[in-house]
Amino acid sequence: MKLCSRLFIVLCADLCTLTLSWVVPNNEATRRRVGILNAIKMPWDAAGKQASKTPSASATSLSGIQASNKAKMEILTLGATLDRGQAYNPTSGEYYADRMEIAKQKIGEFVRNNPNNVPKDIEEIKGEWELILTTVKHGIFRSSPFFLAIQESYEEYAAVKESFGMPKADLFFKLHELQTCSWGVSKIGRVAQHITSTTLYSEFDTSIFSLTVIPILGWFKLLPTFGGCVVTVASAELVDGGLLKMKVDYTTARKVPGLNGLGEWIWNVRVPVGAIWKRLPWNAGRDATCKVYVRYIDNDFRIVQDVSGDYFVYTRPVVPRSLDLVSEESDSGK
C-alpha cells in the first residue's frame, strides 16, 4: 500500500514538473520536483520519527543489562587489584585505603540500583560460591560464621564495646591477624561457601610455612609447607528482607589437593564449636549465632552485608570443588 502511494505521488510530481518545464529551465524543474517530494509528509513517516525518539522496552532492558554488567566488571576488577580485600590492611598502613573506599561505594551503589534482587527463599542462594572481594579489615576469612559470631558477640552482647580506642571486635581480629600471619607464617587461599536448604558450609584454605628461609643467606626452604581447608558448618535460615540467620555447629578440616596436612587423622577431627561456645562463661549460655543480609542475588553474583555494614561479594566458581568431608561421610554411614 505504501509503495503504491509513493508511485502515485511520484507520477503527480512528474506531471507538475513536465508542465513547469515548458516555462522554466530543466534544472529549475528538477529543484521544484525535489521540493514537492520533500514537502509531502506521509503518516507513517511521522510515526517512524516519533517512534525513533521513544526507546523501545527491549532497548531500555538491554541498556540496563549493560550497565549492570559494567558495574559487576568494576567490582571484579577491584577484587583483583585489592587481592580480594587483603591488600588494604590498616595495621600495615593506609595505602590502598582510597581504593577500598571506592570499592565499598561501588558495591553499595550496585545494591541500591538493584533493589528487586533480594532473595525471598534460601533455594535462590543454594550451591557453591567463591569470595572475590570483601571490605572487612583484618582477614578475608571473616566470612566464616564462626568469626561472624565472634564479631556479633562483641558488638551486641559485650558490656564494654570499645578498647584501646577501637571496637573490641576489630581489636580481636587485629590481634588474631598479628598472631597468625606475622612473618608469613600462614596464608589464606581460596575462601568459599556451600549452601544447602538447611546448612551453610564455610571454608577457607590455609597454608603454614609457605616460605621459610634464612634472610639474605638462605636459598632453600627451612620448613615444610602444610595446611588444609578449614570448614565451619552452621545451620542456615533465610527470612524476610534477605536476612540469613546462622547457628554454628562444628568446625572440621579437609585435604587440599597438592598441600600436605599434619596427618590423615586430622581430616576426621570435628570440633564441637557450638557446644563449647555455650559453656564459656562470657557467652552466658547463648548459642553461637550470627546473621548477614543478602543484598543481591542472581545466577552468578551474590552480595552479602554484615551487621557492621561491610560487604562480602561472591561469584560462582570457575573451577568447582566438591564438598567431600570425612566427618559428613561418617555420619551418613551410621
Protein backbone atom coordinates (compact mmCIF):
# COMPACT_ATOMS: atom_id res chain seq x y z
CA MET A 1 0.00 0.00 0.00
CA LYS A 2 2.80 2.38 0.92
CA LEU A 3 4.63 1.58 -2.32
CA CYS A 4 1.53 2.35 -4.42
CA SER A 5 1.05 5.64 -2.65
CA ARG A 6 4.67 6.57 -3.32
CA LEU A 7 4.34 5.77 -7.01
CA PHE A 8 1.17 7.87 -7.26
CA ILE A 9 2.94 10.84 -5.67
CA VAL A 10 5.94 10.47 -7.96
CA LEU A 11 3.66 10.41 -11.04
CA CYS A 12 1.89 13.56 -9.87
CA ALA A 13 5.22 15.24 -9.32
CA ASP A 14 6.35 14.22 -12.82
CA LEU A 15 3.21 15.81 -14.34
CA CYS A 16 3.85 19.02 -12.41
CA THR A 17 7.47 19.05 -13.49
CA LEU A 18 6.52 18.43 -17.13
CA THR A 19 4.13 21.40 -17.08
CA LEU A 20 6.68 23.65 -15.40
CA SER A 21 9.43 22.60 -17.80
CA TRP A 22 7.66 24.49 -20.65
CA VAL A 23 8.26 27.78 -18.85
CA VAL A 24 11.38 27.20 -16.69
CA PRO A 25 14.75 25.54 -17.39
CA ASN A 26 15.18 21.89 -16.67
CA ASN A 27 17.44 22.43 -13.66
CA GLU A 28 14.79 24.63 -12.01
CA ALA A 29 12.15 22.00 -12.75
CA THR A 30 14.28 19.38 -11.05
CA ARG A 31 14.61 21.54 -7.93
CA ARG A 32 10.84 22.04 -7.83
CA ARG A 33 10.28 18.31 -8.14
CA VAL A 34 12.58 17.55 -5.24
CA GLY A 35 10.96 20.27 -3.19
CA ILE A 36 7.46 18.84 -3.80
CA LEU A 37 8.59 15.36 -2.74
CA ASN A 38 10.31 16.62 0.40
CA ALA A 39 7.31 18.72 1.39
CA ILE A 40 4.95 15.74 1.35
CA LYS A 41 4.62 14.24 4.86
CA MET A 42 3.30 10.71 4.99
CA PRO A 43 1.59 9.42 8.16
CA TRP A 44 3.97 6.53 8.58
CA ASP A 45 6.95 8.89 8.27
CA ALA A 46 5.73 10.90 11.27
CA ALA A 47 5.05 7.74 13.22
CA GLY A 48 8.51 6.44 12.43
CA LYS A 49 10.19 9.62 13.61
CA GLN A 50 8.12 9.63 16.78
CA ALA A 51 8.98 6.00 17.43
CA SER A 52 12.68 6.70 16.95
CA LYS A 53 12.54 9.33 19.68
CA THR A 54 10.97 6.88 22.16
CA PRO A 55 13.30 3.98 23.10
CA SER A 56 11.70 0.55 22.96
CA ALA A 57 11.29 -1.63 26.05
CA SER A 58 13.88 -4.05 24.68
CA ALA A 59 16.40 -1.22 24.17
CA THR A 60 15.82 0.00 27.73
CA SER A 61 16.24 -3.53 29.08
CA LEU A 62 19.45 -4.01 27.10
CA SER A 63 20.81 -0.72 28.43
CA GLY A 64 20.06 -1.85 31.99
CA ILE A 65 21.84 -5.18 31.46
CA GLN A 66 24.88 -3.42 30.01
CA ALA A 67 25.04 -1.03 32.97
CA SER A 68 24.73 -3.94 35.41
CA ASN A 69 27.47 -5.92 33.67
CA LYS A 70 29.74 -2.86 33.65
CA ALA A 71 29.23 -2.40 37.41
CA LYS A 72 29.97 -6.09 38.01
CA MET A 73 33.16 -5.85 35.97
CA GLU A 74 34.30 -2.86 38.03
CA ILE A 75 33.70 -4.80 41.25
CA LEU A 76 35.55 -7.84 39.87
CA THR A 77 38.46 -5.63 38.83
CA LEU A 78 38.65 -4.05 42.28
CA GLY A 79 38.60 -7.53 43.79
CA ALA A 80 41.61 -8.47 41.68
CA THR A 81 43.63 -5.30 42.34
CA LEU A 82 42.89 -5.42 46.08
CA ASP A 83 43.65 -9.15 46.37
CA ARG A 84 40.04 -9.84 47.47
CA GLY A 85 40.45 -7.10 50.10
CA GLN A 86 43.73 -8.26 51.66
CA ALA A 87 45.81 -5.54 50.01
CA TYR A 88 44.34 -2.93 52.33
CA ASN A 89 45.48 -3.58 55.90
CA PRO A 90 45.21 -0.65 58.33
CA THR A 91 47.68 -2.38 60.67
CA SER A 92 50.35 -2.06 57.98
CA GLY A 93 49.34 1.41 56.76
CA GLU A 94 46.72 3.44 54.94
CA TYR A 95 47.90 2.62 51.43
CA TYR A 96 45.02 1.39 49.25
CA ALA A 97 42.52 2.92 51.68
CA ASP A 98 41.20 5.11 48.85
CA ARG A 99 40.68 2.10 46.59
CA MET A 100 38.89 0.21 49.35
CA GLU A 101 36.58 3.18 49.92
CA ILE A 102 35.79 3.29 46.20
CA ALA A 103 35.09 -0.45 46.26
CA LYS A 104 32.65 0.00 49.12
CA GLN A 105 30.92 2.84 47.26
CA LYS A 106 30.70 0.82 44.03
CA ILE A 107 29.17 -2.17 45.80
CA GLY A 108 26.70 0.00 47.70
CA GLU A 109 25.66 1.80 44.53
CA PHE A 110 25.16 -1.51 42.71
CA VAL A 111 22.94 -2.80 45.53
CA ARG A 112 20.85 0.38 45.55
CA ASN A 113 20.38 0.18 41.77
CA ASN A 114 19.05 -3.38 42.02
CA PRO A 115 16.53 -3.37 44.88
CA ASN A 116 14.50 -6.23 43.39
CA ASN A 117 17.32 -8.79 43.53
CA VAL A 118 16.97 -9.62 47.22
CA PRO A 119 16.27 -13.36 47.67
CA LYS A 120 13.00 -14.47 49.23
CA ASP A 121 13.90 -18.13 49.69
CA ILE A 122 17.10 -19.95 50.54
CA GLU A 123 16.68 -22.01 47.37
CA GLU A 124 17.75 -18.91 45.43
CA ILE A 125 21.20 -18.86 47.02
CA LYS A 126 21.93 -22.60 47.09
CA GLY A 127 25.12 -24.00 45.65
CA GLU A 128 28.83 -23.22 45.69
CA TRP A 129 30.17 -19.66 45.92
CA GLU A 130 33.70 -18.21 45.98
CA LEU A 131 34.65 -14.94 47.66
CA ILE A 132 36.11 -12.38 45.26
CA LEU A 133 36.07 -9.21 47.40
CA THR A 134 35.34 -8.08 50.93
CA THR A 135 35.61 -4.70 52.60
CA VAL A 136 36.25 -6.04 56.13
CA LYS A 137 39.54 -5.32 57.87
CA HIS A 138 41.98 -7.87 59.26
CA GLY A 139 41.18 -11.02 57.34
CA ILE A 140 39.03 -12.21 54.46
CA PHE A 141 38.31 -15.39 56.46
CA ARG A 142 35.81 -13.32 58.46
CA SER A 143 33.07 -14.53 56.10
CA SER A 144 33.03 -17.70 58.24
CA PRO A 145 30.01 -18.00 60.61
CA PHE A 146 32.44 -18.70 63.46
CA PHE A 147 34.15 -15.32 63.08
CA LEU A 148 30.84 -13.60 62.35
CA ALA A 149 29.53 -15.00 65.66
CA ILE A 150 32.58 -13.60 67.48
CA GLN A 151 32.03 -10.21 65.87
CA GLU A 152 28.34 -10.22 66.79
CA SER A 153 29.01 -11.25 70.39
CA TYR A 154 31.33 -8.27 70.85
CA GLU A 155 29.04 -5.80 69.11
CA GLU A 156 25.73 -6.89 70.63
CA TYR A 157 26.46 -8.53 74.00
CA ALA A 158 29.72 -7.07 75.33
CA ALA A 159 29.23 -4.70 78.27
CA VAL A 160 32.13 -2.57 77.01
CA LYS A 161 32.19 -2.38 73.24
CA GLU A 162 35.46 -0.44 72.76
CA SER A 163 39.00 -0.95 73.94
CA PHE A 164 42.21 0.99 73.20
CA GLY A 165 40.20 3.45 71.12
CA MET A 166 38.69 0.92 68.71
CA PRO A 167 35.76 -1.50 68.63
CA LYS A 168 36.53 -4.69 70.54
CA ALA A 169 35.66 -6.84 67.54
CA ASP A 170 38.21 -5.00 65.37
CA LEU A 171 40.81 -5.31 68.14
CA PHE A 172 40.22 -9.07 68.36
CA PHE A 173 40.64 -9.57 64.62
CA LYS A 174 43.69 -7.31 64.54
CA LEU A 175 45.39 -9.35 67.27
CA HIS A 176 44.32 -12.60 65.64
CA GLU A 177 45.84 -11.49 62.35
CA LEU A 178 49.10 -10.42 64.00
CA GLN A 179 49.44 -13.79 65.73
CA THR A 180 48.61 -15.97 62.74
CA CYS A 181 50.04 -14.05 59.79
CA SER A 182 53.23 -12.45 61.14
CA TRP A 183 56.42 -13.28 59.21
CA GLY A 184 54.34 -15.01 56.60
CA VAL A 185 53.61 -17.94 58.90
CA SER A 186 50.21 -18.59 57.32
CA LYS A 187 48.50 -17.56 54.12
CA ILE A 188 44.83 -17.60 53.17
CA GLY A 189 43.93 -19.16 49.86
CA ARG A 190 40.51 -19.94 48.45
CA VAL A 191 37.53 -18.72 50.50
CA ALA A 192 34.18 -20.27 49.63
CA GLN A 193 30.72 -21.32 50.79
CA HIS A 194 28.42 -24.24 50.01
CA ILE A 195 24.78 -23.59 50.81
CA THR A 196 22.01 -26.18 51.04
CA SER A 197 18.36 -25.85 52.08
CA THR A 198 19.29 -26.02 55.77
CA THR A 199 23.08 -25.69 56.10
CA LEU A 200 25.91 -23.33 55.24
CA TYR A 201 29.40 -24.79 54.87
CA SER A 202 32.02 -22.05 55.08
CA GLU A 203 35.56 -22.89 54.04
CA PHE A 204 38.94 -21.26 53.63
CA ASP A 205 42.24 -22.80 52.60
CA THR A 206 45.27 -22.01 54.71
CA SER A 207 48.92 -22.92 54.23
CA ILE A 208 51.52 -22.83 57.02
CA PHE A 209 55.20 -22.02 56.42
CA SER A 210 54.74 -21.34 52.72
CA LEU A 211 58.13 -19.61 52.53
CA THR A 212 60.74 -20.06 55.26
CA VAL A 213 64.39 -19.14 54.74
CA ILE A 214 67.37 -17.56 56.49
CA PRO A 215 67.25 -13.86 55.45
CA ILE A 216 69.90 -12.88 52.88
CA LEU A 217 71.89 -16.11 53.29
CA GLY A 218 69.20 -18.63 52.59
CA TRP A 219 68.32 -20.03 49.19
CA PHE A 220 66.22 -23.06 50.18
CA LYS A 221 63.14 -23.64 52.38
CA LEU A 222 63.86 -24.45 56.01
CA LEU A 223 60.48 -25.89 56.95
CA PRO A 224 57.95 -27.96 55.03
CA THR A 225 54.67 -26.38 53.98
CA PHE A 226 51.46 -27.91 55.25
CA GLY A 227 47.86 -26.90 55.75
CA GLY A 228 44.37 -27.67 54.55
CA CYS A 229 40.84 -26.37 54.23
CA VAL A 230 39.12 -25.22 57.43
CA VAL A 231 35.38 -25.86 57.24
CA THR A 232 32.80 -24.37 59.62
CA VAL A 233 29.33 -25.85 59.47
CA ALA A 234 26.29 -23.84 60.55
CA SER A 235 22.53 -24.22 60.26
CA ALA A 236 21.05 -21.58 57.97
CA GLU A 237 17.65 -20.00 57.54
CA LEU A 238 16.66 -17.19 55.18
CA VAL A 239 13.83 -14.93 56.37
CA ASP A 240 12.20 -11.73 55.14
CA GLY A 241 14.38 -8.98 53.70
CA GLY A 242 17.21 -11.32 52.73
CA LEU A 243 18.20 -11.87 56.37
CA LEU A 244 20.30 -15.04 56.64
CA LYS A 245 20.38 -16.44 60.19
CA MET A 246 23.06 -18.95 61.15
CA LYS A 247 23.98 -21.03 64.19
CA VAL A 248 27.47 -22.56 64.31
CA ASP A 249 27.55 -26.31 64.84
CA TYR A 250 31.11 -27.56 64.39
CA THR A 251 34.44 -26.99 62.64
CA THR A 252 36.43 -29.61 60.77
CA ALA A 253 39.08 -29.79 58.03
CA ARG A 254 39.61 -31.44 54.70
CA LYS A 255 42.56 -32.04 52.42
CA VAL A 256 43.53 -29.58 49.71
CA PRO A 257 44.99 -31.30 46.63
CA GLY A 258 48.75 -30.68 46.48
CA LEU A 259 49.00 -29.46 50.10
CA ASN A 260 50.26 -31.79 52.85
CA GLY A 261 48.34 -32.00 56.10
CA LEU A 262 49.53 -32.80 59.61
CA GLY A 263 48.37 -36.37 59.04
CA GLU A 264 45.40 -38.36 57.89
CA TRP A 265 43.96 -38.27 61.40
CA ILE A 266 43.24 -34.54 61.20
CA TRP A 267 40.61 -34.94 58.48
CA ASN A 268 38.49 -36.96 60.96
CA VAL A 269 38.57 -34.34 63.72
CA ARG A 270 35.35 -32.48 64.39
CA VAL A 271 35.49 -29.64 66.95
CA PRO A 272 32.02 -29.07 68.53
CA VAL A 273 32.30 -25.30 68.47
CA GLY A 274 28.60 -24.74 69.13
CA ALA A 275 28.60 -26.85 72.31
CA ILE A 276 31.86 -25.36 73.62
CA TRP A 277 30.65 -21.83 72.89
CA LYS A 278 27.63 -22.17 75.18
CA ARG A 279 29.82 -23.36 78.09
CA LEU A 280 32.17 -20.38 78.00
CA PRO A 281 31.21 -18.13 80.94
CA TRP A 282 31.26 -14.87 78.98
CA ASN A 283 28.72 -16.25 76.49
CA ALA A 284 26.17 -16.82 79.28
CA GLY A 285 24.75 -19.96 77.68
CA ARG A 286 23.99 -18.30 74.34
CA ASP A 287 24.29 -20.17 71.06
CA ALA A 288 27.00 -19.23 68.56
CA THR A 289 24.61 -17.32 66.33
CA CYS A 290 25.20 -14.70 63.67
CA LYS A 291 23.40 -13.07 60.78
CA VAL A 292 24.11 -11.34 57.49
CA TYR A 293 21.93 -9.64 54.90
CA VAL A 294 21.88 -10.95 51.33
CA ARG A 295 21.57 -7.67 49.44
CA TYR A 296 21.79 -9.02 45.89
CA ILE A 297 21.49 -12.36 44.12
CA ASP A 298 21.42 -13.53 40.51
CA ASN A 299 22.63 -16.63 38.70
CA ASP A 300 26.33 -15.91 39.23
CA PHE A 301 26.68 -12.98 41.64
CA ARG A 302 25.86 -12.62 45.35
CA ILE A 303 26.47 -9.68 47.69
CA VAL A 304 26.22 -10.03 51.47
CA GLN A 305 26.43 -7.32 54.16
CA ASP A 306 27.35 -7.95 57.80
CA VAL A 307 25.99 -6.18 60.88
CA SER A 308 28.80 -3.60 60.71
CA GLY A 309 27.95 -2.61 57.14
CA ASP A 310 30.87 -4.31 55.41
CA TYR A 311 30.35 -6.30 52.22
CA PHE A 312 31.26 -9.78 51.00
CA VAL A 313 30.98 -10.36 47.23
CA TYR A 314 30.76 -13.92 45.86
CA THR A 315 30.62 -15.45 42.38
CA ARG A 316 30.01 -18.94 41.10
CA PRO A 317 33.37 -20.74 40.83
CA VAL A 318 35.08 -21.19 37.50
CA VAL A 319 36.64 -24.39 38.88
CA PRO A 320 34.11 -26.00 41.26
CA ARG A 321 35.29 -28.14 44.17
CA SER A 322 33.07 -30.75 45.74
CA LEU A 323 32.37 -30.70 49.46
CA ASP A 324 33.78 -34.09 50.45
CA LEU A 325 34.02 -34.06 54.23
CA VAL A 326 35.17 -37.20 56.03
CA SER A 327 33.06 -36.29 59.05
CA GLU A 328 29.94 -35.91 56.90
CA GLU A 329 30.60 -39.27 55.25
CA SER A 330 30.98 -40.90 58.67
CA ASP A 331 27.61 -39.55 59.75
CA SER A 332 25.90 -40.74 56.58
CA GLY A 333 27.38 -44.20 57.08
CA LYS A 334 25.95 -44.62 60.57
